[in-house]
Amino acid sequence: WPRARHHMTDGVAIRDRMAEDARAFEELRGD
């Protein structure tokens, strides 16, 4: 991801990267 999260403005890219973060949370916690 070429830009830091707080600099991102494109909604599609934000949702894709947030989804990656949410999946990482799931991998760590199990749900």
PDB file of all heavy atoms in Angstrom:
ATOM      1  N   TRP A   1       0.884  -1.160   0.000  1.00  0.00           N
ATOM      2  CA  TRP A   1       0.000   0.000   0.000  1.00  0.00           C
ATOM      3  C   TRP A   1       0.926   1.215   0.000  1.00  0.00           C
ATOM      4  O   TRP A   1       1.705   1.405   0.932  1.00  0.00           O
ATOM      5  CB  TRP A   1      -0.894   0.006   1.243  1.00  0.00           C
ATOM      6  CG  TRP A   1      -1.911  -1.080   1.228  1.00  0.00           C
ATOM      7  CD1 TRP A   1      -1.855  -2.266   1.903  1.00  0.00           C
ATOM      8  CD2 TRP A   1      -3.138  -1.091   0.515  1.00  0.00           C
ATOM      9  NE1 TRP A   1      -2.966  -3.014   1.641  1.00  0.00           N
ATOM     10  CE2 TRP A   1      -3.787  -2.314   0.789  1.00  0.00           C
ATOM     11  CE3 TRP A   1      -3.764  -0.189  -0.342  1.00  0.00           C
ATOM     12  CZ2 TRP A   1      -5.015  -2.649   0.261  1.00  0.00           C
ATOM     13  CZ3 TRP A   1      -4.996  -0.526  -0.875  1.00  0.00           C
ATOM     14  CH2 TRP A   1      -5.611  -1.747  -0.575  1.00  0.00           C
ATOM     15  N   PRO A   2       0.899   2.039  -1.050  1.00  0.00           N
ATOM     16  CA  PRO A   2       1.879   3.115  -1.178  1.00  0.00           C
ATOM     17  C   PRO A   2       1.673   4.306  -0.246  1.00  0.00           C
ATOM     18  O   PRO A   2       2.581   5.103  -0.069  1.00  0.00           O
ATOM     19  CB  PRO A   2       1.737   3.551  -2.636  1.00  0.00           C
ATOM     20  CG  PRO A   2       0.345   3.193  -3.000  1.00  0.00           C
ATOM     21  CD  PRO A   2       0.028   1.958  -2.215  1.00  0.00           C
ATOM     22  N   ARG A   3       0.497   4.447   0.337  1.00  0.00           N
ATOM     23  CA  ARG A   3       0.229   5.596   1.210  1.00  0.00           C
ATOM     24  C   ARG A   3      -0.165   5.121   2.596  1.00  0.00           C
ATOM     25  O   ARG A   3      -0.804   4.080   2.747  1.00  0.00           O
ATOM     26  CB  ARG A   3      -0.892   6.451   0.620  1.00  0.00           C
ATOM     27  CG  ARG A   3      -0.521   7.026  -0.756  1.00  0.00           C
ATOM     28  CD  ARG A   3      -1.616   7.837  -1.351  1.00  0.00           C
ATOM     29  NE  ARG A   3      -1.629   9.139  -0.693  1.00  0.00           N
ATOM     30  CZ  ARG A   3      -2.606  10.016  -0.851  1.00  0.00           C
ATOM     31  NH1 ARG A   3      -3.637   9.732  -1.601  1.00  0.00           N
ATOM     32  NH2 ARG A   3      -2.562  11.178  -0.248  1.00  0.00           N
ATOM     33  N   ALA A   4       0.194   5.909   3.584  1.00  0.00           N
ATOM     34  CA  ALA A   4      -0.211   5.614   4.958  1.00  0.00           C
ATOM     35  C   ALA A   4      -1.735   5.673   5.052  1.00  0.00           C
ATOM     36  O   ALA A   4      -2.390   6.401   4.298  1.00  0.00           O
ATOM     37  CB  ALA A   4       0.413   6.626   5.914  1.00  0.00           C
ATOM     38  N   ARG A   5      -2.290   4.894   5.970  1.00  0.00           N
ATOM     39  CA  ARG A   5      -3.749   4.822   6.094  1.00  0.00           C
ATOM     40  C   ARG A   5      -4.384   6.203   6.242  1.00  0.00           C
ATOM     41  O   ARG A   5      -5.395   6.496   5.610  1.00  0.00           O
ATOM     42  CB  ARG A   5      -4.115   3.946   7.298  1.00  0.00           C
ATOM     43  CG  ARG A   5      -3.844   2.476   7.088  1.00  0.00           C
ATOM     44  CD  ARG A   5      -4.031   1.715   8.405  1.00  0.00           C
ATOM     45  NE  ARG A   5      -3.821   0.295   8.251  1.00  0.00           N
ATOM     46  CZ  ARG A   5      -2.635  -0.294   8.338  1.00  0.00           C
ATOM     47  NH1 ARG A   5      -1.549   0.422   8.583  1.00  0.00           N
ATOM     48  NH2 ARG A   5      -2.534  -1.597   8.189  1.00  0.00           N
ATOM     49  N   HIS A   6      -3.828   7.040   7.088  1.00  0.00           N
ATOM     50  CA  HIS A   6      -4.449   8.341   7.354  1.00  0.00           C
ATOM     51  C   HIS A   6      -4.366   9.305   6.163  1.00  0.00           C
ATOM     52  O   HIS A   6      -5.051  10.323   6.158  1.00  0.00           O
ATOM     53  CB  HIS A   6      -3.862   8.985   8.611  1.00  0.00           C
ATOM     54  CG  HIS A   6      -2.410   9.320   8.513  1.00  0.00           C
ATOM     55  ND1 HIS A   6      -1.404   8.394   8.684  1.00  0.00           N
ATOM     56  CD2 HIS A   6      -1.798  10.491   8.250  1.00  0.00           C
ATOM     57  CE1 HIS A   6      -0.247   8.980   8.542  1.00  0.00           C
ATOM     58  NE2 HIS A   6      -0.451  10.252   8.283  1.00  0.00           N
ATOM     59  N   HIS A   7      -3.578   8.980   5.147  1.00  0.00           N
ATOM     60  CA  HIS A   7      -3.492   9.807   3.946  1.00  0.00           C
ATOM     61  C   HIS A   7      -4.389   9.299   2.814  1.00  0.00           C
ATOM     62  O   HIS A   7      -4.533   9.978   1.801  1.00  0.00           O
ATOM     63  CB  HIS A   7      -2.055   9.874   3.423  1.00  0.00           C
ATOM     64  CG  HIS A   7      -1.134  10.664   4.281  1.00  0.00           C
ATOM     65  ND1 HIS A   7      -1.317  11.999   4.552  1.00  0.00           N
ATOM     66  CD2 HIS A   7      -0.021  10.297   4.963  1.00  0.00           C
ATOM     67  CE1 HIS A   7      -0.360  12.426   5.341  1.00  0.00           C
ATOM     68  NE2 HIS A   7       0.442  11.403   5.613  1.00  0.00           N
ATOM     69  N   MET A   8      -4.978   8.143   2.973  1.00  0.00           N
ATOM     70  CA  MET A   8      -5.794   7.562   1.907  1.00  0.00           C
ATOM     71  C   MET A   8      -7.117   8.318   1.774  1.00  0.00           C
ATOM     72  O   MET A   8      -7.728   8.713   2.771  1.00  0.00           O
ATOM     73  CB  MET A   8      -6.031   6.073   2.182  1.00  0.00           C
ATOM     74  CG  MET A   8      -4.762   5.250   2.096  1.00  0.00           C
ATOM     75  SD  MET A   8      -4.983   3.510   2.525  1.00  0.00           S
ATOM     76  CE  MET A   8      -5.866   2.923   1.082  1.00  0.00           C
ATOM     77  N   THR A   9      -7.569   8.495   0.526  1.00  0.00           N
ATOM     78  CA  THR A   9      -8.817   9.205   0.259  1.00  0.00           C
ATOM     79  C   THR A   9      -9.782   8.421  -0.627  1.00  0.00           C
ATOM     80  O   THR A   9     -10.973   8.716  -0.640  1.00  0.00           O
ATOM     81  CB  THR A   9      -8.538  10.569  -0.424  1.00  0.00           C
ATOM     82  OG1 THR A   9      -7.805  10.341  -1.623  1.00  0.00           O
ATOM     83  CG2 THR A   9      -7.767  11.494   0.501  1.00  0.00           C
ATOM     84  N   ASP A  10      -9.295   7.441  -1.371  1.00  0.00           N
ATOM     85  CA  ASP A  10     -10.147   6.674  -2.278  1.00  0.00           C
ATOM     86  C   ASP A  10     -10.955   5.637  -1.487  1.00  0.00           C
ATOM     87  O   ASP A  10     -10.388   4.773  -0.813  1.00  0.00           O
ATOM     88  CB  ASP A  10      -9.284   5.973  -3.326  1.00  0.00           C
ATOM     89  CG  ASP A  10     -10.119   5.142  -4.270  1.00  0.00           C
ATOM     90  OD1 ASP A  10     -10.934   5.731  -5.005  1.00  0.00           O
ATOM     91  OD2 ASP A  10      -9.966   3.909  -4.259  1.00  0.00           O
ATOM     92  N   GLY A  11     -12.277   5.742  -1.578  1.00  0.00           N
ATOM     93  CA  GLY A  11     -13.158   4.866  -0.810  1.00  0.00           C
ATOM     94  C   GLY A  11     -12.961   3.386  -1.067  1.00  0.00           C
ATOM     95  O   GLY A  11     -12.986   2.570  -0.148  1.00  0.00           O
ATOM     96  N   VAL A  12     -12.748   2.992  -2.318  1.00  0.00           N
ATOM     97  CA  VAL A  12     -12.550   1.578  -2.656  1.00  0.00           C
ATOM     98  C   VAL A  12     -11.273   1.058  -2.016  1.00  0.00           C
ATOM     99  O   VAL A  12     -11.257   0.003  -1.385  1.00  0.00           O
ATOM    100  CB  VAL A  12     -12.528   1.363  -4.187  1.00  0.00           C
ATOM    101  CG1 VAL A  12     -12.141  -0.061  -4.529  1.00  0.00           C
ATOM    102  CG2 VAL A  12     -13.875   1.707  -4.800  1.00  0.00           C
ATOM    103  N   ALA A  13     -10.198   1.825  -2.140  1.00  0.00           N
ATOM    104  CA  ALA A  13      -8.922   1.409  -1.556  1.00  0.00           C
ATOM    105  C   ALA A  13      -9.004   1.375  -0.028  1.00  0.00           C
ATOM    106  O   ALA A  13      -8.462   0.466   0.608  1.00  0.00           O
ATOM    107  CB  ALA A  13      -7.807   2.342  -2.023  1.00  0.00           C
ATOM    108  N   ILE A  14      -9.684   2.350   0.559  1.00  0.00           N
ATOM    109  CA  ILE A  14      -9.841   2.374   2.019  1.00  0.00           C
ATOM    110  C   ILE A  14     -10.572   1.128   2.487  1.00  0.00           C
ATOM    111  O   ILE A  14     -10.141   0.455   3.429  1.00  0.00           O
ATOM    112  CB  ILE A  14     -10.586   3.648   2.470  1.00  0.00           C
ATOM    113  CG1 ILE A  14      -9.679   4.868   2.301  1.00  0.00           C
ATOM    114  CG2 ILE A  14     -11.059   3.523   3.910  1.00  0.00           C
ATOM    115  CD1 ILE A  14     -10.379   6.201   2.512  1.00  0.00           C
ATOM    116  N   ARG A  15     -11.664   0.790   1.830  1.00  0.00           N
ATOM    117  CA  ARG A  15     -12.433  -0.399   2.239  1.00  0.00           C
ATOM    118  C   ARG A  15     -11.628  -1.681   2.058  1.00  0.00           C
ATOM    119  O   ARG A  15     -11.691  -2.575   2.891  1.00  0.00           O
ATOM    120  CB  ARG A  15     -13.756  -0.469   1.488  1.00  0.00           C
ATOM    121  CG  ARG A  15     -14.744   0.546   1.994  1.00  0.00           C
ATOM    122  CD  ARG A  15     -16.086   0.388   1.325  1.00  0.00           C
ATOM    123  NE  ARG A  15     -16.965   1.446   1.787  1.00  0.00           N
ATOM    124  CZ  ARG A  15     -18.274   1.346   1.815  1.00  0.00           C
ATOM    125  NH1 ARG A  15     -18.870   0.251   1.408  1.00  0.00           N
ATOM    126  NH2 ARG A  15     -19.005   2.348   2.239  1.00  0.00           N
ATOM    127  N   ASP A  16     -10.867  -1.773   0.981  1.00  0.00           N
ATOM    128  CA  ASP A  16     -10.040  -2.962   0.763  1.00  0.00           C
ATOM    129  C   ASP A  16      -8.986  -3.109   1.861  1.00  0.00           C
ATOM    130  O   ASP A  16      -8.780  -4.198   2.397  1.00  0.00           O
ATOM    131  CB  ASP A  16      -9.358  -2.910  -0.601  1.00  0.00           C
ATOM    132  CG  ASP A  16     -10.318  -3.107  -1.759  1.00  0.00           C
ATOM    133  OD1 ASP A  16     -11.439  -3.609  -1.527  1.00  0.00           O
ATOM    134  OD2 ASP A  16      -9.946  -2.768  -2.890  1.00  0.00           O
ATOM    135  N   ARG A  17      -8.342  -1.999   2.196  1.00  0.00           N
ATOM    136  CA  ARG A  17      -7.290  -2.075   3.212  1.00  0.00           C
ATOM    137  C   ARG A  17      -7.874  -2.283   4.605  1.00  0.00           C
ATOM    138  O   ARG A  17      -7.321  -3.031   5.414  1.00  0.00           O
ATOM    139  CB  ARG A  17      -6.444  -0.805   3.177  1.00  0.00           C
ATOM    140  CG  ARG A  17      -5.186  -0.934   4.010  1.00  0.00           C
ATOM    141  CD  ARG A  17      -4.223   0.174   3.696  1.00  0.00           C
ATOM    142  NE  ARG A  17      -2.984   0.019   4.432  1.00  0.00           N
ATOM    143  CZ  ARG A  17      -1.990   0.876   4.382  1.00  0.00           C
ATOM    144  NH1 ARG A  17      -2.078   1.942   3.612  1.00  0.00           N
ATOM    145  NH2 ARG A  17      -0.907   0.682   5.090  1.00  0.00           N
ATOM    146  N   MET A  18      -9.016  -1.656   4.889  1.00  0.00           N
ATOM    147  CA  MET A  18      -9.687  -1.891   6.175  1.00  0.00           C
ATOM    148  C   MET A  18     -10.118  -3.348   6.294  1.00  0.00           C
ATOM    149  O   MET A  18     -10.047  -3.934   7.370  1.00  0.00           O
ATOM    150  CB  MET A  18     -10.908  -0.978   6.337  1.00  0.00           C
ATOM    151  CG  MET A  18     -10.614   0.388   6.836  1.00  0.00           C
ATOM    152  SD  MET A  18     -12.182   1.260   7.112  1.00  0.00           S
ATOM    153  CE  MET A  18     -11.639   2.431   8.322  1.00  0.00           C
ATOM    154  N   ALA A  19     -10.573  -3.921   5.186  1.00  0.00           N
ATOM    155  CA  ALA A  19     -10.969  -5.330   5.195  1.00  0.00           C
ATOM    156  C   ALA A  19      -9.763  -6.208   5.509  1.00  0.00           C
ATOM    157  O   ALA A  19      -9.878  -7.194   6.245  1.00  0.00           O
ATOM    158  CB  ALA A  19     -11.594  -5.720   3.860  1.00  0.00           C
ATOM    159  N   GLU A  20      -8.591  -5.877   4.978  1.00  0.00           N
ATOM    160  CA  GLU A  20      -7.378  -6.620   5.316  1.00  0.00           C
ATOM    161  C   GLU A  20      -7.083  -6.516   6.812  1.00  0.00           C
ATOM    162  O   GLU A  20      -6.724  -7.510   7.445  1.00  0.00           O
ATOM    163  CB  GLU A  20      -6.176  -6.084   4.531  1.00  0.00           C
ATOM    164  CG  GLU A  20      -6.131  -6.511   3.102  1.00  0.00           C
ATOM    165  CD  GLU A  20      -4.862  -6.073   2.392  1.00  0.00           C
ATOM    166  OE1 GLU A  20      -3.945  -5.524   3.032  1.00  0.00           O
ATOM    167  OE2 GLU A  20      -4.799  -6.310   1.180  1.00  0.00           O
ATOM    168  N   ASP A  21      -7.239  -5.320   7.364  1.00  0.00           N
ATOM    169  CA  ASP A  21      -7.011  -5.139   8.805  1.00  0.00           C
ATOM    170  C   ASP A  21      -8.008  -5.952   9.623  1.00  0.00           C
ATOM    171  O   ASP A  21      -7.646  -6.574  10.622  1.00  0.00           O
ATOM    172  CB  ASP A  21      -7.106  -3.661   9.182  1.00  0.00           C
ATOM    173  CG  ASP A  21      -5.932  -2.834   8.696  1.00  0.00           C
ATOM    174  OD1 ASP A  21      -4.881  -3.425   8.356  1.00  0.00           O
ATOM    175  OD2 ASP A  21      -6.064  -1.597   8.657  1.00  0.00           O
ATOM    176  N   ALA A  22      -9.270  -5.961   9.195  1.00  0.00           N
ATOM    177  CA  ALA A  22     -10.288  -6.728   9.910  1.00  0.00           C
ATOM    178  C   ALA A  22      -9.999  -8.223   9.837  1.00  0.00           C
ATOM    179  O   ALA A  22     -10.153  -8.950  10.825  1.00  0.00           O
ATOM    180  CB  ALA A  22     -11.680  -6.426   9.338  1.00  0.00           C
ATOM    181  N   ARG A  23      -9.558  -8.695   8.690  1.00  0.00           N
ATOM    182  CA  ARG A  23      -9.216 -10.115   8.554  1.00  0.00           C
ATOM    183  C   ARG A  23      -7.992 -10.462   9.414  1.00  0.00           C
ATOM    184  O   ARG A  23      -7.907 -11.556   9.965  1.00  0.00           O
ATOM    185  CB  ARG A  23      -8.953 -10.457   7.099  1.00  0.00           C
ATOM    186  CG  ARG A  23     -10.199 -10.327   6.260  1.00  0.00           C
ATOM    187  CD  ARG A  23     -10.566 -11.630   5.602  1.00  0.00           C
ATOM    188  NE  ARG A  23     -11.817 -11.449   4.897  1.00  0.00           N
ATOM    189  CZ  ARG A  23     -12.979 -11.919   5.330  1.00  0.00           C
ATOM    190  NH1 ARG A  23     -13.045 -12.595   6.432  1.00  0.00           N
ATOM    191  NH2 ARG A  23     -14.069 -11.719   4.654  1.00  0.00           N
ATOM    192  N   ALA A  24      -7.048  -9.544   9.539  1.00  0.00           N
ATOM    193  CA  ALA A  24      -5.892  -9.776  10.413  1.00  0.00           C
ATOM    194  C   ALA A  24      -6.354  -9.902  11.866  1.00  0.00           C
ATOM    195  O   ALA A  24      -5.843 -10.744  12.614  1.00  0.00           O
ATOM    196  CB  ALA A  24      -4.883  -8.639  10.267  1.00  0.00           C
ATOM    197  N   PHE A  25      -7.327  -9.092  12.266  1.00  0.00           N
ATOM    198  CA  PHE A  25      -7.909  -9.181  13.603  1.00  0.00           C
ATOM    199  C   PHE A  25      -8.538 -10.558  13.802  1.00  0.00           C
ATOM    200  O   PHE A  25      -8.341 -11.193  14.832  1.00  0.00           O
ATOM    201  CB  PHE A  25      -8.961  -8.075  13.777  1.00  0.00           C
ATOM    202  CG  PHE A  25      -9.626  -8.054  15.128  1.00  0.00           C
ATOM    203  CD1 PHE A  25      -9.105  -7.277  16.146  1.00  0.00           C
ATOM    204  CD2 PHE A  25     -10.778  -8.786  15.374  1.00  0.00           C
ATOM    205  CE1 PHE A  25      -9.716  -7.238  17.396  1.00  0.00           C
ATOM    206  CE2 PHE A  25     -11.389  -8.764  16.614  1.00  0.00           C
ATOM    207  CZ  PHE A  25     -10.857  -7.981  17.625  1.00  0.00           C
ATOM    208  N   GLU A  26      -9.280 -11.011  12.788  1.00  0.00           N
ATOM    209  CA  GLU A  26      -9.926 -12.324  12.866  1.00  0.00           C
ATOM    210  C   GLU A  26      -8.877 -13.434  12.985  1.00  0.00           C
ATOM    211  O   GLU A  26      -9.044 -14.374  13.773  1.00  0.00           O
ATOM    212  CB  GLU A  26     -10.793 -12.565  11.637  1.00  0.00           C
ATOM    213  CG  GLU A  26     -11.459 -13.930  11.664  1.00  0.00           C
ATOM    214  CD  GLU A  26     -12.027 -14.354  10.331  1.00  0.00           C
ATOM    215  OE1 GLU A  26     -11.515 -13.911   9.288  1.00  0.00           O
ATOM    216  OE2 GLU A  26     -12.971 -15.151  10.344  1.00  0.00           O
ATOM    217  N   GLU A  27      -7.811 -13.348  12.219  1.00  0.00           N
ATOM    218  CA  GLU A  27      -6.758 -14.372  12.275  1.00  0.00           C
ATOM    219  C   GLU A  27      -6.141 -14.449  13.670  1.00  0.00           C
ATOM    220  O   GLU A  27      -5.833 -15.521  14.154  1.00  0.00           O
ATOM    221  CB  GLU A  27      -5.661 -14.087  11.241  1.00  0.00           C
ATOM    222  CG  GLU A  27      -6.057 -14.371   9.818  1.00  0.00           C
ATOM    223  CD  GLU A  27      -6.198 -15.856   9.517  1.00  0.00           C
ATOM    224  OE1 GLU A  27      -5.506 -16.680  10.139  1.00  0.00           O
ATOM    225  OE2 GLU A  27      -7.010 -16.184   8.645  1.00  0.00           O
ATOM    226  N   LEU A  28      -5.959 -13.302  14.308  1.00  0.00           N
ATOM    227  CA  LEU A  28      -5.376 -13.271  15.646  1.00  0.00           C
ATOM    228  C   LEU A  28      -6.333 -13.763  16.717  1.00  0.00           C
ATOM    229  O   LEU A  28      -5.947 -14.500  17.619  1.00  0.00           O
ATOM    230  CB  LEU A  28      -4.960 -11.831  15.999  1.00  0.00           C
ATOM    231  CG  LEU A  28      -3.545 -11.507  15.606  1.00  0.00           C
ATOM    232  CD1 LEU A  28      -3.421 -10.074  15.166  1.00  0.00           C
ATOM    233  CD2 LEU A  28      -2.656 -11.762  16.798  1.00  0.00           C
ATOM    234  N   ARG A  29      -7.594 -13.320  16.642  1.00  0.00           N
ATOM    235  CA  ARG A  29      -8.568 -13.585  17.690  1.00  0.00           C
ATOM    236  C   ARG A  29      -9.445 -14.806  17.421  1.00  0.00           C
ATOM    237  O   ARG A  29     -10.064 -15.327  18.316  1.00  0.00           O
ATOM    238  CB  ARG A  29      -9.488 -12.379  17.865  1.00  0.00           C
ATOM    239  CG  ARG A  29      -8.806 -11.111  18.331  1.00  0.00           C
ATOM    240  CD  ARG A  29      -8.259 -11.256  19.697  1.00  0.00           C
ATOM    241  NE  ARG A  29      -8.380 -10.305  20.727  1.00  0.00           N
ATOM    242  CZ  ARG A  29      -9.322  -9.477  21.081  1.00  0.00           C
ATOM    243  NH1 ARG A  29     -10.399  -9.353  20.434  1.00  0.00           N
ATOM    244  NH2 ARG A  29      -9.235  -8.705  22.097  1.00  0.00           N
ATOM    245  N   GLY A  30      -9.543 -15.215  16.161  1.00  0.00           N
ATOM    246  CA  GLY A  30     -10.397 -16.348  15.818  1.00  0.00           C
ATOM    247  C   GLY A  30     -11.796 -15.947  15.398  1.00  0.00           C
ATOM    248  O   GLY A  30     -12.547 -16.757  14.871  1.00  0.00           O
ATOM    249  N   ASP A  31     -12.187 -14.708  15.652  1.00  0.00           N
ATOM    250  CA  ASP A  31     -13.490 -14.200  15.220  1.00  0.00           C
ATOM    251  C   ASP A  31     -13.440 -12.673  15.205  1.00  0.00           C
ATOM    252  O   ASP A  31     -12.395 -12.082  15.470  1.00  0.00           O
ATOM    253  CB  ASP A  31     -14.628 -14.697  16.118  1.00  0.00           C
ATOM    254  CG  ASP A  31     -14.450 -14.279  17.568  1.00  0.00           C
ATOM    255  OD1 ASP A  31     -13.831 -13.235  17.834  1.00  0.00           O
ATOM    256  OD2 ASP A  31     -14.943 -15.004  18.442  1.00  0.00           O
TER     257      ASP A  31
END
